[in-house]
Amino acid sequence: MSDTTKKKIEQNYKMGSRTARAKEVANYLSIGLSTVWHYARIGKLTPIKLSSRVTVFSIDEVNALLDNAMAKVA
C-alpha cells in the first residue's frame, strides 16, 4: 500500500487512538474484507464497536499484526 493511502487513513481517523474501518484495514493490508472479519473472529484483530453499525480497528494493532507477519517472512 502506498504511503499516501496510509496517511489518508491516519488523517481521517484521528481519535484518541488511531482507528480505521474494516474496508480501510483490508486495503492497508492488501487482504480481502472477509479476511479482516476472520482475523477479528479468531482474535488476531480486536474490533471496537462505536455503534451497532460502526466497527473500527486500532491502527497500532494492525501495524503490529503486519510487523509480526513480516518478521515471520524474513
N, C-alpha and C. Protein backbone atom coordinates (compact mmCIF):
# COMPACT_ATOMS: atom_id res chain seq x y z
N MET A 1 0.84 -1.16 0.00
CA MET A 1 0.00 0.00 0.00
C MET A 1 0.89 1.23 0.00
N SER A 2 0.41 2.26 -0.63
CA SER A 2 1.20 3.47 -0.75
C SER A 2 1.19 4.26 0.55
N ASP A 3 2.20 5.08 0.71
CA ASP A 3 2.28 5.96 1.89
C ASP A 3 1.12 6.95 1.90
N THR A 4 0.66 7.34 0.70
CA THR A 4 -0.45 8.29 0.61
C THR A 4 -1.72 7.70 1.23
N THR A 5 -1.99 6.44 0.94
CA THR A 5 -3.17 5.78 1.49
C THR A 5 -3.05 5.67 3.00
N LYS A 6 -1.87 5.30 3.49
CA LYS A 6 -1.65 5.18 4.92
C LYS A 6 -1.87 6.53 5.61
N LYS A 7 -1.34 7.61 5.03
CA LYS A 7 -1.51 8.94 5.62
C LYS A 7 -2.98 9.36 5.60
N LYS A 8 -3.68 9.01 4.52
CA LYS A 8 -5.10 9.35 4.41
C LYS A 8 -5.90 8.67 5.52
N ILE A 9 -5.61 7.38 5.74
CA ILE A 9 -6.28 6.65 6.81
C ILE A 9 -6.00 7.31 8.15
N GLU A 10 -4.74 7.63 8.40
CA GLU A 10 -4.37 8.23 9.68
C GLU A 10 -5.01 9.59 9.87
N GLN A 11 -5.14 10.38 8.80
CA GLN A 11 -5.76 11.70 8.90
C GLN A 11 -7.26 11.61 9.11
N ASN A 12 -7.92 10.68 8.42
CA ASN A 12 -9.37 10.56 8.51
C ASN A 12 -9.85 10.03 9.85
N TYR A 13 -9.02 9.25 10.53
CA TYR A 13 -9.46 8.59 11.74
C TYR A 13 -8.60 8.92 12.94
N LYS A 14 -8.33 10.21 13.14
CA LYS A 14 -7.58 10.62 14.32
C LYS A 14 -8.55 10.76 15.48
N MET A 15 -8.55 9.75 16.32
CA MET A 15 -9.33 9.78 17.54
C MET A 15 -8.29 9.68 18.66
N GLY A 16 -8.72 9.37 19.88
CA GLY A 16 -7.76 9.20 20.97
C GLY A 16 -6.68 8.21 20.56
N SER A 17 -7.10 7.10 20.03
CA SER A 17 -6.17 6.16 19.42
C SER A 17 -6.54 6.08 17.95
N ARG A 18 -5.56 5.90 17.12
CA ARG A 18 -5.84 5.87 15.68
C ARG A 18 -6.61 4.62 15.33
N THR A 19 -7.68 4.78 14.56
CA THR A 19 -8.52 3.66 14.18
C THR A 19 -8.85 3.72 12.70
N ALA A 20 -9.31 2.58 12.16
CA ALA A 20 -9.72 2.51 10.76
C ALA A 20 -10.86 1.52 10.63
N ARG A 21 -11.72 1.76 9.66
CA ARG A 21 -12.83 0.84 9.37
C ARG A 21 -12.26 -0.42 8.72
N ALA A 22 -13.07 -1.46 8.69
CA ALA A 22 -12.63 -2.77 8.17
C ALA A 22 -12.17 -2.67 6.71
N LYS A 23 -12.88 -1.92 5.89
CA LYS A 23 -12.51 -1.79 4.48
C LYS A 23 -11.14 -1.15 4.34
N GLU A 24 -10.85 -0.16 5.16
CA GLU A 24 -9.55 0.50 5.10
C GLU A 24 -8.44 -0.42 5.59
N VAL A 25 -8.73 -1.22 6.60
CA VAL A 25 -7.75 -2.20 7.08
C VAL A 25 -7.45 -3.21 5.97
N ALA A 26 -8.49 -3.66 5.28
CA ALA A 26 -8.30 -4.60 4.18
C ALA A 26 -7.41 -3.99 3.09
N ASN A 27 -7.67 -2.74 2.73
CA ASN A 27 -6.84 -2.07 1.73
C ASN A 27 -5.41 -1.91 2.22
N TYR A 28 -5.25 -1.52 3.46
CA TYR A 28 -3.94 -1.29 4.07
C TYR A 28 -3.10 -2.56 4.07
N LEU A 29 -3.73 -3.69 4.41
CA LEU A 29 -3.01 -4.96 4.48
C LEU A 29 -3.01 -5.72 3.16
N SER A 30 -3.71 -5.21 2.17
CA SER A 30 -3.86 -5.88 0.87
C SER A 30 -4.46 -7.28 1.04
N ILE A 31 -5.54 -7.32 1.81
CA ILE A 31 -6.27 -8.57 2.03
C ILE A 31 -7.74 -8.30 1.75
N GLY A 32 -8.53 -9.34 1.71
CA GLY A 32 -9.95 -9.18 1.49
C GLY A 32 -10.67 -8.73 2.74
N LEU A 33 -11.82 -8.12 2.55
CA LEU A 33 -12.63 -7.65 3.66
C LEU A 33 -13.05 -8.82 4.56
N SER A 34 -13.39 -9.95 3.96
CA SER A 34 -13.78 -11.11 4.77
C SER A 34 -12.61 -11.61 5.62
N THR A 35 -11.39 -11.42 5.16
CA THR A 35 -10.22 -11.82 5.94
C THR A 35 -10.07 -10.94 7.17
N VAL A 36 -10.37 -9.66 7.05
CA VAL A 36 -10.33 -8.76 8.21
C VAL A 36 -11.30 -9.29 9.27
N TRP A 37 -12.52 -9.62 8.86
CA TRP A 37 -13.51 -10.13 9.80
C TRP A 37 -13.11 -11.49 10.34
N HIS A 38 -12.46 -12.30 9.53
CA HIS A 38 -11.95 -13.59 10.01
C HIS A 38 -10.89 -13.37 11.09
N TYR A 39 -9.96 -12.45 10.85
CA TYR A 39 -8.94 -12.12 11.85
C TYR A 39 -9.59 -11.63 13.14
N ALA A 40 -10.66 -10.87 13.04
CA ALA A 40 -11.37 -10.40 14.23
C ALA A 40 -12.01 -11.59 14.96
N ARG A 41 -12.58 -12.51 14.22
CA ARG A 41 -13.25 -13.67 14.80
C ARG A 41 -12.27 -14.58 15.53
N ILE A 42 -11.05 -14.75 14.97
CA ILE A 42 -10.08 -15.66 15.59
C ILE A 42 -9.16 -14.94 16.58
N GLY A 43 -9.32 -13.64 16.74
CA GLY A 43 -8.57 -12.91 17.75
C GLY A 43 -7.28 -12.25 17.31
N LYS A 44 -6.98 -12.26 16.02
CA LYS A 44 -5.78 -11.56 15.54
C LYS A 44 -5.96 -10.05 15.56
N LEU A 45 -7.19 -9.58 15.40
CA LEU A 45 -7.52 -8.16 15.49
C LEU A 45 -8.68 -8.00 16.46
N THR A 46 -8.68 -6.90 17.19
CA THR A 46 -9.74 -6.62 18.14
C THR A 46 -10.68 -5.58 17.57
N PRO A 47 -11.93 -5.96 17.30
CA PRO A 47 -12.89 -4.97 16.79
C PRO A 47 -13.36 -4.05 17.91
N ILE A 48 -13.54 -2.78 17.58
CA ILE A 48 -14.02 -1.78 18.53
C ILE A 48 -15.36 -1.28 18.01
N LYS A 49 -16.43 -1.61 18.71
CA LYS A 49 -17.78 -1.20 18.29
C LYS A 49 -18.03 0.24 18.74
N LEU A 50 -18.25 1.13 17.77
CA LEU A 50 -18.60 2.51 18.09
C LEU A 50 -20.11 2.68 18.17
N SER A 51 -20.82 1.86 17.40
CA SER A 51 -22.28 1.84 17.44
C SER A 51 -22.71 0.49 16.88
N SER A 52 -24.01 0.29 16.76
CA SER A 52 -24.48 -1.00 16.26
C SER A 52 -24.06 -1.27 14.82
N ARG A 53 -23.75 -0.21 14.07
CA ARG A 53 -23.39 -0.38 12.66
C ARG A 53 -21.97 0.07 12.32
N VAL A 54 -21.21 0.52 13.31
CA VAL A 54 -19.86 1.02 13.05
C VAL A 54 -18.86 0.30 13.93
N THR A 55 -17.92 -0.37 13.27
CA THR A 55 -16.84 -1.07 13.96
C THR A 55 -15.52 -0.59 13.38
N VAL A 56 -14.56 -0.33 14.24
CA VAL A 56 -13.24 0.12 13.81
C VAL A 56 -12.17 -0.78 14.42
N PHE A 57 -10.97 -0.64 13.93
CA PHE A 57 -9.83 -1.40 14.42
C PHE A 57 -8.69 -0.43 14.69
N SER A 58 -7.90 -0.72 15.70
CA SER A 58 -6.76 0.12 16.07
C SER A 58 -5.68 0.01 15.00
N ILE A 59 -5.23 1.15 14.52
CA ILE A 59 -4.13 1.17 13.53
C ILE A 59 -2.86 0.60 14.15
N ASP A 60 -2.64 0.88 15.43
CA ASP A 60 -1.45 0.35 16.10
C ASP A 60 -1.48 -1.18 16.13
N GLU A 61 -2.65 -1.75 16.39
CA GLU A 61 -2.79 -3.21 16.39
C GLU A 61 -2.62 -3.78 14.98
N VAL A 62 -3.15 -3.09 13.99
CA VAL A 62 -3.00 -3.52 12.59
C VAL A 62 -1.53 -3.49 12.21
N ASN A 63 -0.82 -2.42 12.59
CA ASN A 63 0.61 -2.33 12.29
C ASN A 63 1.39 -3.44 12.99
N ALA A 64 1.01 -3.78 14.23
CA ALA A 64 1.68 -4.86 14.96
C ALA A 64 1.45 -6.19 14.25
N LEU A 65 0.24 -6.41 13.76
CA LEU A 65 -0.06 -7.63 13.00
C LEU A 65 0.79 -7.69 11.74
N LEU A 66 0.91 -6.58 11.05
CA LEU A 66 1.71 -6.52 9.83
C LEU A 66 3.20 -6.76 10.15
N ASP A 67 3.70 -6.13 11.20
CA ASP A 67 5.09 -6.32 11.60
C ASP A 67 5.38 -7.78 11.96
N ASN A 68 4.42 -8.39 12.66
CA ASN A 68 4.57 -9.79 13.04
C ASN A 68 4.61 -10.68 11.80
N ALA A 69 3.74 -10.41 10.85
CA ALA A 69 3.71 -11.19 9.61
C ALA A 69 5.01 -11.01 8.83
N MET A 70 5.52 -9.79 8.80
CA MET A 70 6.76 -9.52 8.07
C MET A 70 7.95 -10.21 8.75
N ALA A 71 7.95 -10.28 10.08
CA ALA A 71 9.03 -10.93 10.80
C ALA A 71 9.06 -12.42 10.51
N LYS A 72 7.89 -13.03 10.32
CA LYS A 72 7.83 -14.46 10.01
C LYS A 72 8.35 -14.74 8.61
N VAL A 73 8.16 -13.79 7.69
CA VAL A 73 8.61 -13.96 6.31
C VAL A 73 10.13 -13.82 6.22
N ALA A 74 10.68 -12.89 6.98
CA ALA A 74 12.12 -12.59 6.90
C ALA A 74 12.98 -13.60 7.57
